[in-house]
């Protein structure tokens, strides 16, 4: 079985994240970049299965700048057999549609039995990439799984929803996305870190994948306006001199909070 795990390089959530006011893009040079935690958990799902099932190949796929090799190397140190990295200057600021198109093209080139992704990244928070990829690949998709069971020809899991839990399944090949309810990723040992340096990383461009980032017939989103978030204003203080209830009611009405 061939399992491909999507990994993403994101700004550390413990740092201050800002946007370039001219480009509308995240300022990725002023913060530390790390592998998204939900991607680490996705990789752990694949590696846990591979550890118990001989002949399973785990590949990581990432669409990142060339400087993000450290994130891919970490995935290899955790246990992935190889990595594919899509690097192209034309992908700077790529929207969800272009991102899904590129990843789907890469997956078609790589080949897969199962694709595992996080349900939502901590930077863009789109939460739709896995579904868009599945649509482009014409593959079944199970979204936001809080548990995963993989067999030779199928994948199943539990999806929590408002007021219910759904047990869902699909035949392979398939695409799934998981939530942070899945176990945390393992820590690579020093031996694993050293051996990761010898594992193969294939670098692909848009030309290799046959994708045109500026296709005039493709749907692309653009930023039409951008402004800096205003500083937080002080709250309204209500002093009770016998009319606190009336003041609170007036405040709620004025701010359309009723």
Protein backbone atom coordinates (compact mmCIF):
# COMPACT_ATOMS: atom_id res chain seq x y z
CA UNK A 1 0.00 0.00 0.00
CA UNK A 2 1.16 3.53 -0.78
CA UNK A 3 0.07 6.23 1.65
CA UNK A 4 0.75 9.87 0.80
CA UNK A 5 0.60 12.37 3.67
CA UNK A 6 0.16 16.09 2.98
CA UNK A 7 2.37 18.26 5.18
CA UNK A 8 2.50 22.03 5.42
CA UNK A 9 5.03 24.57 6.68
CA UNK A 10 3.20 27.16 8.85
CA UNK A 11 4.16 30.05 11.15
CA UNK A 12 4.63 28.93 14.74
CA UNK A 13 1.34 29.55 16.56
CA UNK A 14 3.29 30.81 19.59
CA UNK A 15 4.78 33.67 17.59
CA UNK A 16 3.27 36.94 16.37
CA UNK A 17 1.77 36.44 12.92
CA UNK A 18 1.32 39.38 10.58
CA UNK A 19 0.32 40.14 7.00
CA UNK A 20 2.25 42.25 4.50
CA UNK A 21 -0.06 45.21 4.02
CA UNK A 22 1.04 45.63 0.39
CA UNK A 23 0.81 42.03 -0.79
CA UNK A 24 -1.76 40.59 1.62
CA UNK A 25 0.52 37.58 2.18
CA UNK A 26 1.60 36.20 5.52
CA UNK A 27 4.94 37.55 6.70
CA UNK A 28 6.79 34.25 6.91
CA UNK A 29 10.24 35.78 7.31
CA UNK A 30 9.61 37.33 10.72
CA UNK A 31 8.47 34.16 12.51
CA UNK A 32 9.71 30.62 12.95
CA UNK A 33 8.21 28.15 10.48
CA UNK A 34 7.22 24.68 11.69
CA UNK A 35 5.30 21.68 10.44
CA UNK A 36 1.61 22.11 11.21
CA UNK A 37 0.70 19.95 14.21
CA UNK A 38 -2.29 18.35 12.52
CA UNK A 39 0.04 17.32 9.68
CA UNK A 40 2.27 15.62 12.23
CA UNK A 41 -0.75 13.70 13.50
CA UNK A 42 -1.67 12.77 9.93
CA UNK A 43 1.81 11.35 9.44
CA UNK A 44 1.52 9.43 12.70
CA UNK A 45 -1.65 7.72 11.41
CA UNK A 46 0.22 6.56 8.31
CA UNK A 47 3.34 5.47 10.19
CA UNK A 48 1.34 3.54 12.80
CA UNK A 49 -0.26 1.52 10.02
CA UNK A 50 3.05 1.03 8.19
CA UNK A 51 4.74 -0.21 11.35
CA UNK A 52 2.22 -3.06 11.60
CA UNK A 53 1.91 -3.82 7.88
CA UNK A 54 5.03 -4.74 5.93
CA UNK A 55 5.21 -3.43 2.39
CA UNK A 56 3.50 -0.13 3.22
CA UNK A 57 5.22 2.90 1.70
CA UNK A 58 4.68 6.30 3.33
CA UNK A 59 5.44 9.36 1.19
CA UNK A 60 5.09 12.99 2.30
CA UNK A 61 3.97 15.66 -0.14
CA UNK A 62 4.38 19.38 0.44
CA UNK A 63 3.86 22.54 -1.61
CA UNK A 64 6.37 24.91 -0.04
CA UNK A 65 9.18 27.37 -0.74
CA UNK A 66 12.60 25.76 -1.20
CA UNK A 67 13.66 26.95 2.26
CA UNK A 68 11.05 24.69 3.87
CA UNK A 69 13.17 21.58 3.36
CA UNK A 70 13.63 21.34 7.15
CA UNK A 71 9.94 20.52 7.55
CA UNK A 72 10.16 17.78 4.92
CA UNK A 73 13.32 16.41 6.55
CA UNK A 74 11.50 16.23 9.88
CA UNK A 75 8.77 14.16 8.25
CA UNK A 76 11.45 11.81 6.90
CA UNK A 77 13.08 11.60 10.33
CA UNK A 78 9.71 10.65 11.82
CA UNK A 79 9.64 7.63 9.52
CA UNK A 80 8.41 8.52 6.03
CA UNK A 81 10.29 6.68 3.29
CA UNK A 82 10.53 9.57 0.82
CA UNK A 83 9.24 13.05 0.11
CA UNK A 84 7.98 15.09 -2.81
CA UNK A 85 8.24 18.87 -2.65
CA UNK A 86 6.54 21.19 -5.15
CA UNK A 87 8.60 24.36 -5.43
CA UNK A 88 7.84 27.19 -7.84
CA UNK A 89 7.99 30.97 -7.47
CA UNK A 90 4.64 31.23 -9.29
CA UNK A 91 2.99 29.55 -6.28
CA UNK A 92 3.69 32.45 -3.93
CA UNK A 93 0.34 33.46 -2.47
CA UNK A 94 -1.49 30.57 -4.17
CA UNK A 95 -5.18 30.42 -3.30
CA UNK A 96 -7.06 27.28 -2.28
CA UNK A 97 -8.08 26.43 -5.84
CA UNK A 98 -4.54 26.56 -7.23
CA UNK A 99 -3.17 24.73 -4.20
CA UNK A 100 -5.64 21.88 -4.65
CA UNK A 101 -4.93 21.73 -8.38
CA UNK A 102 -1.18 21.47 -7.81
CA UNK A 103 -1.46 18.85 -5.07
CA UNK A 104 -3.91 16.78 -7.12
CA UNK A 105 -1.53 16.86 -10.08
CA UNK A 106 1.36 15.80 -7.84
CA UNK A 107 -0.69 12.95 -6.36
CA UNK A 108 -1.58 11.74 -9.85
CA UNK A 109 2.11 11.69 -10.71
CA UNK A 110 3.14 9.97 -7.46
CA UNK A 111 0.31 7.46 -7.33
CA UNK A 112 -1.48 6.56 -4.10
CA UNK A 113 -3.80 4.17 -2.36
CA UNK A 114 -4.62 6.57 0.48
CA UNK A 115 -4.08 10.30 0.97
CA UNK A 116 -4.09 11.63 4.54
CA UNK A 117 -4.34 15.35 5.34
CA UNK A 118 -5.17 17.54 8.30
CA UNK A 119 -8.70 18.89 8.37
CA UNK A 120 -7.59 22.52 8.71
CA UNK A 121 -4.26 24.35 8.72
CA UNK A 122 -3.37 26.82 11.46
CA UNK A 123 -2.50 29.61 9.03
CA UNK A 124 -5.04 29.71 6.19
CA UNK A 125 -7.73 27.73 8.08
CA UNK A 126 -9.53 26.99 4.82
CA UNK A 127 -10.55 23.48 5.81
CA UNK A 128 -11.45 22.47 2.23
CA UNK A 129 -8.22 21.32 0.57
CA UNK A 130 -8.79 17.60 1.15
CA UNK A 131 -12.30 17.80 -0.29
CA UNK A 132 -11.13 19.81 -3.30
CA UNK A 133 -8.32 17.33 -4.00
CA UNK A 134 -10.73 14.40 -3.77
CA UNK A 135 -13.05 16.10 -6.26
CA UNK A 136 -10.21 16.71 -8.71
CA UNK A 137 -9.01 13.11 -8.35
CA UNK A 138 -12.55 11.70 -8.54
CA UNK A 139 -11.85 9.80 -5.32
CA UNK A 140 -14.06 9.22 -2.26
CA UNK A 141 -13.31 11.47 0.71
CA UNK A 142 -13.87 11.10 4.44
CA UNK A 143 -13.54 14.39 6.28
CA UNK A 144 -12.64 15.44 9.83
CA UNK A 145 -12.11 11.96 11.24
CA UNK A 146 -11.44 11.63 14.96
CA UNK A 147 -10.42 7.98 14.55
CA UNK A 148 -9.05 6.04 11.59
CA UNK A 149 -8.95 2.33 10.71
CA UNK A 150 -7.08 1.30 7.56
CA UNK A 151 -7.40 -2.12 5.93
CA UNK A 152 -6.01 -3.55 2.70
CA UNK A 153 -8.83 -2.27 0.55
CA UNK A 154 -10.73 0.29 2.60
CA UNK A 155 -10.51 3.04 5.20
CA UNK A 156 -13.04 3.94 7.88
CA UNK A 157 -13.35 6.26 10.82
CA UNK A 158 -15.48 8.25 13.19
CA UNK A 159 -16.66 11.74 12.37
CA UNK A 160 -18.16 13.82 15.15
CA UNK A 161 -20.98 16.20 14.29
CA UNK A 162 -23.48 18.27 16.24
CA UNK A 163 -25.47 15.85 18.36
CA UNK A 164 -24.16 12.66 16.74
CA UNK A 165 -21.13 10.59 15.77
CA UNK A 166 -20.99 9.12 12.28
CA UNK A 167 -19.16 5.91 11.36
CA UNK A 168 -18.03 6.37 7.74
CA UNK A 169 -16.03 4.24 5.32
CA UNK A 170 -14.74 4.23 1.75
CA UNK A 171 -12.99 1.87 -0.59
CA UNK A 172 -9.42 2.67 -1.62
CA UNK A 173 -8.05 4.70 -3.30
CA UNK A 174 -9.43 7.47 -1.12
CA UNK A 175 -8.66 10.82 0.53
CA UNK A 176 -9.21 11.46 4.24
CA UNK A 177 -8.68 14.37 6.59
CA UNK A 178 -8.15 13.99 10.33
CA UNK A 179 -8.61 16.21 13.37
CA UNK A 180 -6.37 16.85 16.34
CA UNK A 181 -8.26 14.15 18.24
CA UNK A 182 -5.79 11.68 16.72
CA UNK A 183 -2.63 10.80 18.73
CA UNK A 184 0.34 13.15 18.85
CA UNK A 185 3.27 12.41 16.58
CA UNK A 186 6.34 10.50 17.70
CA UNK A 187 9.64 12.25 18.39
CA UNK A 188 12.35 11.21 15.94
CA UNK A 189 15.50 9.75 17.49
CA UNK A 190 18.98 10.99 16.69
CA UNK A 191 19.49 7.90 14.53
CA UNK A 192 16.29 8.66 12.61
CA UNK A 193 17.37 12.27 12.10
CA UNK A 194 20.71 11.19 10.66
CA UNK A 195 19.19 8.52 8.41
CA UNK A 196 16.65 11.05 7.09
CA UNK A 197 19.50 12.87 5.34
CA UNK A 198 19.90 9.87 3.02
CA UNK A 199 16.23 9.53 2.14
CA UNK A 200 15.15 10.82 -1.29
CA UNK A 201 13.40 14.15 -1.82
CA UNK A 202 11.98 14.78 -5.29
CA UNK A 203 11.48 18.42 -6.22
CA UNK A 204 8.83 19.24 -8.81
CA UNK A 205 7.90 22.47 -10.59
CA UNK A 206 4.63 23.59 -12.13
CA UNK A 207 6.05 22.70 -15.53
CA UNK A 208 6.72 19.16 -14.32
CA UNK A 209 3.07 18.89 -13.23
CA UNK A 210 1.58 20.59 -16.26
CA UNK A 211 -0.15 23.25 -14.16
CA UNK A 212 -0.46 26.88 -15.28
CA UNK A 213 -0.71 29.19 -12.26
CA UNK A 214 -1.93 32.04 -14.51
CA UNK A 215 -4.50 30.07 -16.51
CA UNK A 216 -7.05 32.72 -17.58
CA UNK A 217 -9.83 30.11 -17.66
CA UNK A 218 -9.17 28.87 -14.13
CA UNK A 219 -10.95 30.30 -11.11
CA UNK A 220 -8.51 32.26 -8.96
CA UNK A 221 -9.19 34.48 -5.95
CA UNK A 222 -7.42 37.81 -5.48
CA UNK A 223 -7.08 40.29 -2.62
CA UNK A 224 -8.97 43.50 -3.40
CA UNK A 225 -8.49 45.33 -0.10
CA UNK A 226 -6.34 45.01 3.01
CA UNK A 227 -6.04 47.01 6.21
CA UNK A 228 -4.27 46.58 9.50
CA UNK A 229 -6.34 45.40 12.43
CA UNK A 230 -7.22 48.42 14.60
CA UNK A 231 -5.89 48.49 18.17
CA UNK A 232 -8.19 47.06 20.76
CA UNK A 233 -10.38 49.71 22.31
CA UNK A 234 -11.13 49.94 26.00
CA UNK A 235 -14.31 48.33 27.24
CA UNK A 236 -17.39 50.08 28.55
CA UNK A 237 -17.61 50.26 32.32
CA UNK A 238 -21.02 50.34 33.97
CA UNK A 239 -21.20 51.79 37.46
CA UNK A 240 -24.28 50.74 39.37
CA UNK A 241 -26.02 53.72 40.89
CA UNK A 242 -29.39 52.11 40.76
CA UNK A 243 -29.77 52.03 36.99
CA UNK A 244 -27.18 49.40 35.96
CA UNK A 245 -29.88 47.26 34.38
CA UNK A 246 -31.04 50.12 32.18
CA UNK A 247 -27.45 50.98 31.20
CA UNK A 248 -26.76 47.34 30.26
CA UNK A 249 -29.97 47.14 28.20
CA UNK A 250 -29.11 50.38 26.37
CA UNK A 251 -25.59 49.07 25.65
CA UNK A 252 -26.92 45.83 24.19
CA UNK A 253 -29.45 47.68 22.02
CA UNK A 254 -26.89 50.21 20.74
CA UNK A 255 -24.49 47.44 19.74
CA UNK A 256 -27.24 45.26 18.25
CA UNK A 257 -26.51 42.47 20.71
CA UNK A 258 -30.09 41.76 21.67
